[in-house]
Amino acid sequence: MIGPAIRIGAVAAPDIRFKWVGAGVPMHFAGFTNLGTTSGSYTQKGPLGVTPLLLSGEASSDWRLFSVPNLEPMIATATANPLPGIDPDLARAANPDGIYQALLSGSESGGTYLPTSRTSVTAADFPAWVASEGAAGKVVTALCPTNEGLYATAFGRTGDDTIYETQVITATLDQLVSPLEGLAANGYVVTALGRGDGALDGAGSFVAVGTRLAGQTAARNLKVVDQPCVAGAGTPGVPEQSFFDDGYASVGVIFHDPNRSCNGEAAWLFIGER
């Protein structure tokens, strides 16, 4: 999780709390991987970035890798474990160089991502907590359901007194795109997206956090592609690369095949923003 010093001439990573949205750098799909359903840890190094973790109902915890030419050295680390152990897992993995993106940590050099918050909060109190974090200069970057409601992480930046405005939406999958478009139209970046309950494979509710600089209301664009799933074919990176080519960054992926049949029907919802 520790990013070494930037080499001369290298491209510095953007503020990765905002999921590379508006980074203005060329991104190229570089594969995807997962930790399956068991405990474990995975680390990859290179001039690469990582997308938010796939919301798949724990059938497969996929995330995407993308390369950026001449990017400063980066380290991506993912850890899988049963949900009750999430807080000690994150505490052990915590490092000022990185953030959590739906339980996946990306990092850059410089030690800038402090202070940090981790909390369990009821769904009803979650929007107020998100707003208080934004007012204190911290951005919510990941969330997931717990017995108490929601578990979430937020990160500030050392020496940064910026105030962020926030908005939280909750919707079922078939109603999700419209409020996400509303967030983008009002200048918000989707900095966290997770399930709002224990449902699987597209069922139940989803919660998204929109974050913007105070007063920065210029509209952003949202792009959604519902990709077919074909058994044995995986995902070839076509949706991701089409996003990157059009200047979008991935802010979420949801697998929504209730039978997990991968019979060629739409089952992978890719969400991008720029």
Protein backbone atom coordinates (compact mmCIF):
# COMPACT_ATOMS: atom_id res chain seq x y z
CA MET A 1 0.00 0.00 0.00
CA ILE A 2 3.00 2.34 0.20
CA GLY A 3 3.77 4.29 -2.94
CA PRO A 4 7.48 5.07 -3.38
CA ALA A 5 8.75 8.49 -4.37
CA ILE A 6 7.68 9.77 -7.78
CA ARG A 7 10.39 9.24 -10.37
CA ILE A 8 11.47 12.17 -12.50
CA GLY A 9 9.08 12.74 -15.39
CA ALA A 10 6.38 10.45 -14.00
CA VAL A 11 2.70 11.36 -14.01
CA ALA A 12 1.41 11.93 -10.47
CA ALA A 13 -1.78 10.13 -9.49
CA PRO A 14 -4.86 12.35 -9.05
CA ASP A 15 -6.88 12.58 -5.84
CA ILE A 16 -7.90 8.92 -5.86
CA ARG A 17 -10.75 9.54 -3.42
CA PHE A 18 -12.66 10.64 -6.54
CA LYS A 19 -12.17 7.32 -8.38
CA TRP A 20 -10.03 8.90 -11.16
CA VAL A 21 -13.03 10.93 -12.40
CA GLY A 22 -11.73 13.97 -14.26
CA ALA A 23 -8.12 12.77 -13.95
CA GLY A 24 -7.36 13.80 -17.54
CA VAL A 25 -4.92 10.94 -18.14
CA PRO A 26 -5.13 8.16 -20.77
CA MET A 27 -6.28 4.90 -19.16
CA HIS A 28 -6.05 1.44 -20.69
CA PHE A 29 -7.83 -1.71 -19.52
CA ALA A 30 -5.24 -4.09 -18.05
CA GLY A 31 -7.30 -7.03 -16.85
CA PHE A 32 -9.47 -8.01 -13.92
CA THR A 33 -9.00 -10.32 -10.99
CA ASN A 34 -10.76 -11.43 -7.80
CA LEU A 35 -10.35 -13.11 -4.44
CA GLY A 36 -13.28 -15.48 -4.92
CA THR A 37 -15.28 -16.30 -1.80
CA THR A 38 -12.46 -17.25 0.56
CA SER A 39 -10.19 -15.30 2.87
CA GLY A 40 -6.98 -14.04 1.39
CA SER A 41 -4.96 -11.09 0.23
CA TYR A 42 -3.73 -9.88 -3.16
CA THR A 43 -1.20 -7.22 -4.13
CA GLN A 44 -0.18 -5.90 -7.53
CA LYS A 45 2.39 -3.22 -8.29
CA GLY A 46 3.03 -1.07 -11.34
CA PRO A 47 2.01 2.07 -13.21
CA LEU A 48 -1.62 1.06 -12.69
CA GLY A 49 -4.86 2.11 -11.11
CA VAL A 50 -7.79 0.17 -9.76
CA THR A 51 -11.54 0.52 -10.16
CA PRO A 52 -14.07 0.10 -7.34
CA LEU A 53 -14.82 -3.47 -6.35
CA LEU A 54 -17.56 -5.31 -8.21
CA LEU A 55 -20.85 -5.63 -6.29
CA SER A 56 -21.56 -9.30 -6.91
CA GLY A 57 -23.15 -10.74 -3.79
CA GLU A 58 -19.81 -12.28 -2.84
CA ALA A 59 -19.96 -14.86 -5.63
CA SER A 60 -16.83 -13.25 -7.01
CA SER A 61 -15.14 -10.13 -5.68
CA ASP A 62 -13.84 -8.76 -8.99
CA TRP A 63 -12.06 -5.51 -9.61
CA ARG A 64 -10.54 -4.02 -12.72
CA LEU A 65 -7.00 -2.87 -13.33
CA PHE A 66 -6.03 -0.13 -15.76
CA SER A 67 -2.64 1.19 -16.80
CA VAL A 68 -1.62 4.82 -17.23
CA PRO A 69 1.52 5.57 -19.29
CA ASN A 70 4.42 6.70 -17.10
CA LEU A 71 2.28 6.79 -13.95
CA GLU A 72 4.09 7.09 -10.63
CA PRO A 73 4.62 3.70 -8.90
CA MET A 74 1.38 2.39 -7.41
CA ILE A 75 0.44 -0.56 -5.23
CA ALA A 76 -3.06 -2.09 -5.16
CA THR A 77 -3.95 -4.35 -2.23
CA ALA A 78 -7.15 -6.29 -1.66
CA THR A 79 -8.07 -8.38 1.37
CA ALA A 80 -11.05 -10.74 1.69
CA ASN A 81 -12.46 -11.98 4.98
CA PRO A 82 -15.87 -12.49 6.62
CA LEU A 83 -17.70 -9.21 7.21
CA PRO A 84 -17.45 -9.22 11.04
CA GLY A 85 -13.68 -8.87 10.71
CA ILE A 86 -13.77 -5.85 8.41
CA ASP A 87 -12.69 -3.23 10.93
CA PRO A 88 -9.57 -5.04 12.22
CA ASP A 89 -8.70 -5.99 8.63
CA LEU A 90 -8.81 -2.35 7.54
CA ALA A 91 -6.96 -1.25 10.67
CA ARG A 92 -4.10 -3.63 9.82
CA ALA A 93 -4.08 -2.46 6.20
CA ALA A 94 -4.34 1.25 6.99
CA ASN A 95 -1.64 3.43 5.48
CA PRO A 96 -1.61 7.19 4.86
CA ASP A 97 -0.73 6.62 1.20
CA GLY A 98 -3.95 4.78 0.31
CA ILE A 99 -7.72 4.81 0.38
CA TYR A 100 -10.40 2.13 0.38
CA GLN A 101 -12.48 1.80 -2.76
CA ALA A 102 -15.27 -0.59 -1.82
CA LEU A 103 -12.84 -2.56 0.36
CA LEU A 104 -10.06 -2.24 -2.20
CA SER A 105 -7.12 0.04 -1.42
CA GLY A 106 -5.23 2.02 -4.02
CA SER A 107 -2.18 4.09 -3.10
CA GLU A 108 0.05 6.92 -4.24
CA SER A 109 3.24 8.37 -2.85
CA GLY A 110 3.22 11.34 -0.56
CA GLY A 111 1.40 10.20 2.58
CA THR A 112 -1.50 12.59 2.00
CA TYR A 113 -4.65 10.65 2.94
CA LEU A 114 -5.09 11.65 6.58
CA PRO A 115 -7.16 11.94 8.71
CA THR A 116 -9.37 8.90 8.16
CA SER A 117 -12.68 7.69 9.61
CA ARG A 118 -14.27 4.24 9.84
CA THR A 119 -17.73 3.79 11.31
CA SER A 120 -20.86 1.67 11.62
CA VAL A 121 -23.99 3.79 11.41
CA THR A 122 -27.71 3.24 10.88
CA ALA A 123 -29.05 3.82 7.39
CA ALA A 124 -31.20 6.66 8.72
CA ASP A 125 -28.17 8.45 10.21
CA PHE A 126 -25.84 7.76 7.30
CA PRO A 127 -26.55 10.94 5.24
CA ALA A 128 -25.87 13.14 8.27
CA TRP A 129 -22.59 11.33 8.98
CA VAL A 130 -21.52 11.71 5.33
CA ALA A 131 -22.33 15.44 5.46
CA SER A 132 -20.34 15.91 8.68
CA GLU A 133 -17.34 14.17 7.13
CA GLY A 134 -17.56 16.39 4.05
CA ALA A 135 -17.74 19.52 6.18
CA ALA A 136 -14.53 18.35 7.87
CA GLY A 137 -12.76 17.87 4.53
CA LYS A 138 -13.16 14.09 4.32
CA VAL A 139 -14.58 12.10 1.39
CA VAL A 140 -16.54 8.87 1.85
CA THR A 141 -14.92 6.28 -0.41
CA ALA A 142 -16.53 2.93 0.49
CA LEU A 143 -19.61 1.46 2.16
CA CYS A 144 -21.20 -1.92 2.76
CA PRO A 145 -24.11 -3.32 4.83
CA THR A 146 -23.71 -4.55 8.41
CA ASN A 147 -26.14 -5.67 11.09
CA GLU A 148 -26.09 -2.10 12.45
CA GLY A 149 -26.92 -0.57 9.07
CA LEU A 150 -23.92 0.57 7.03
CA TYR A 151 -20.16 0.42 7.48
CA ALA A 152 -18.23 3.18 5.73
CA THR A 153 -14.80 4.75 5.36
CA ALA A 154 -13.82 8.37 4.73
CA PHE A 155 -10.49 10.07 4.03
CA GLY A 156 -9.13 13.59 4.27
CA ARG A 157 -5.83 14.96 2.97
CA THR A 158 -3.04 16.34 5.10
CA GLY A 159 -3.12 20.13 5.22
CA ASP A 160 -6.37 20.35 3.22
CA ASP A 161 -9.19 22.44 4.72
CA THR A 162 -11.52 22.02 1.71
CA ILE A 163 -15.22 21.72 2.46
CA TYR A 164 -17.15 19.13 0.48
CA GLU A 165 -20.88 19.01 -0.15
CA THR A 166 -22.52 15.60 -0.20
CA GLN A 167 -25.69 13.83 -1.23
CA VAL A 168 -26.75 10.26 -0.48
CA ILE A 169 -29.21 8.28 -2.60
CA THR A 170 -30.78 4.87 -1.97
CA ALA A 171 -32.54 2.93 -4.73
CA THR A 172 -33.19 -0.53 -6.09
CA LEU A 173 -31.23 -1.56 -9.17
CA ASP A 174 -34.06 -0.82 -11.60
CA GLN A 175 -34.40 2.68 -10.15
CA LEU A 176 -30.69 3.44 -9.63
CA VAL A 177 -29.58 5.06 -12.88
CA SER A 178 -31.87 8.09 -12.74
CA PRO A 179 -30.72 9.35 -9.31
CA LEU A 180 -27.09 8.67 -10.28
CA GLU A 181 -27.63 10.84 -13.35
CA GLY A 182 -29.08 13.46 -11.02
CA LEU A 183 -25.95 13.41 -8.88
CA ALA A 184 -23.73 13.88 -11.93
CA ALA A 185 -25.94 16.63 -13.36
CA ASN A 186 -25.46 18.59 -10.14
CA GLY A 187 -21.68 18.24 -10.13
CA TYR A 188 -21.33 15.34 -7.71
CA VAL A 189 -18.81 12.54 -8.20
CA VAL A 190 -19.97 9.10 -7.05
CA THR A 191 -17.22 8.44 -4.51
CA ALA A 192 -18.86 5.39 -2.86
CA LEU A 193 -21.38 2.83 -4.08
CA GLY A 194 -22.45 -0.25 -2.16
CA ARG A 195 -25.36 -2.49 -1.30
CA GLY A 196 -27.69 -1.10 1.33
CA ASP A 197 -28.69 -4.50 2.67
CA GLY A 198 -27.70 -8.16 2.57
CA ALA A 199 -29.39 -8.99 -0.74
CA LEU A 200 -27.40 -10.64 -3.52
CA ASP A 201 -26.85 -10.39 -7.27
CA GLY A 202 -28.69 -7.17 -7.96
CA ALA A 203 -31.55 -7.64 -5.48
CA GLY A 204 -32.28 -5.29 -2.59
CA SER A 205 -31.16 -1.69 -2.32
CA PHE A 206 -28.01 0.19 -3.28
CA VAL A 207 -26.57 3.30 -1.64
CA ALA A 208 -24.46 5.88 -3.45
CA VAL A 209 -22.56 8.84 -2.03
CA GLY A 210 -22.08 11.92 -4.22
CA THR A 211 -19.32 14.38 -3.29
CA ARG A 212 -18.38 17.76 -4.74
CA LEU A 213 -16.34 20.78 -3.79
CA ALA A 214 -18.57 23.31 -2.04
CA GLY A 215 -20.31 25.38 -4.71
CA GLN A 216 -18.91 23.40 -7.65
CA THR A 217 -22.19 22.68 -9.45
CA ALA A 218 -20.98 22.31 -13.05
CA ALA A 219 -22.69 19.27 -14.54
CA ARG A 220 -20.83 16.01 -15.03
CA ASN A 221 -21.78 13.18 -17.36
CA LEU A 222 -22.77 9.64 -16.42
CA LYS A 223 -22.48 6.64 -18.73
CA VAL A 224 -24.10 3.25 -18.08
CA VAL A 225 -23.55 0.03 -20.06
CA ASP A 226 -25.38 -3.20 -19.22
CA GLN A 227 -23.01 -5.85 -20.56
CA PRO A 228 -24.16 -9.41 -21.39
CA CYS A 229 -22.59 -12.23 -19.41
CA VAL A 230 -21.53 -15.29 -21.41
CA ALA A 231 -20.51 -18.44 -19.53
CA GLY A 232 -16.78 -19.03 -19.75
CA ALA A 233 -16.13 -15.80 -21.62
CA GLY A 234 -15.46 -13.53 -18.64
CA THR A 235 -15.44 -9.82 -19.40
CA PRO A 236 -12.99 -8.80 -22.14
CA GLY A 237 -12.65 -5.19 -21.06
CA VAL A 238 -14.77 -3.78 -23.87
CA PRO A 239 -17.07 -1.72 -21.58
CA GLU A 240 -14.18 -0.41 -19.50
CA GLN A 241 -12.05 0.60 -22.46
CA SER A 242 -15.00 2.29 -24.15
CA PHE A 243 -15.42 4.33 -20.96
CA PHE A 244 -11.74 5.22 -20.87
CA ASP A 245 -11.68 6.16 -24.57
CA ASP A 246 -14.57 8.57 -23.95
CA GLY A 247 -12.92 10.11 -20.88
CA TYR A 248 -14.98 8.28 -18.27
CA ALA A 249 -13.71 6.60 -15.11
CA SER A 250 -15.46 3.65 -13.51
CA VAL A 251 -17.38 4.47 -10.33
CA GLY A 252 -19.13 1.12 -9.95
CA VAL A 253 -19.90 -2.31 -11.41
CA ILE A 254 -22.89 -4.42 -10.39
CA PHE A 255 -23.42 -8.07 -11.31
CA HIS A 256 -27.18 -8.70 -11.42
CA ASP A 257 -27.81 -12.22 -12.73
CA PRO A 258 -30.01 -13.80 -10.02
CA ASN A 259 -29.44 -17.31 -11.39
CA ARG A 260 -25.75 -16.79 -12.12
CA SER A 261 -26.37 -18.54 -15.41
CA CYS A 262 -24.40 -16.18 -17.70
CA ASN A 263 -26.69 -17.12 -20.56
CA GLY A 264 -25.89 -14.13 -22.73
CA GLU A 265 -28.39 -11.73 -21.18
CA ALA A 266 -27.42 -8.37 -19.71
CA ALA A 267 -25.89 -9.02 -16.29
CA TRP A 268 -22.94 -6.63 -15.77
CA LEU A 269 -23.94 -3.00 -15.13
CA PHE A 270 -20.92 -0.73 -15.66
CA ILE A 271 -21.23 2.83 -14.35
CA GLY A 272 -18.82 5.56 -15.46
CA GLU A 273 -18.55 9.29 -14.82
CA ARG A 274 -16.50 12.17 -16.21
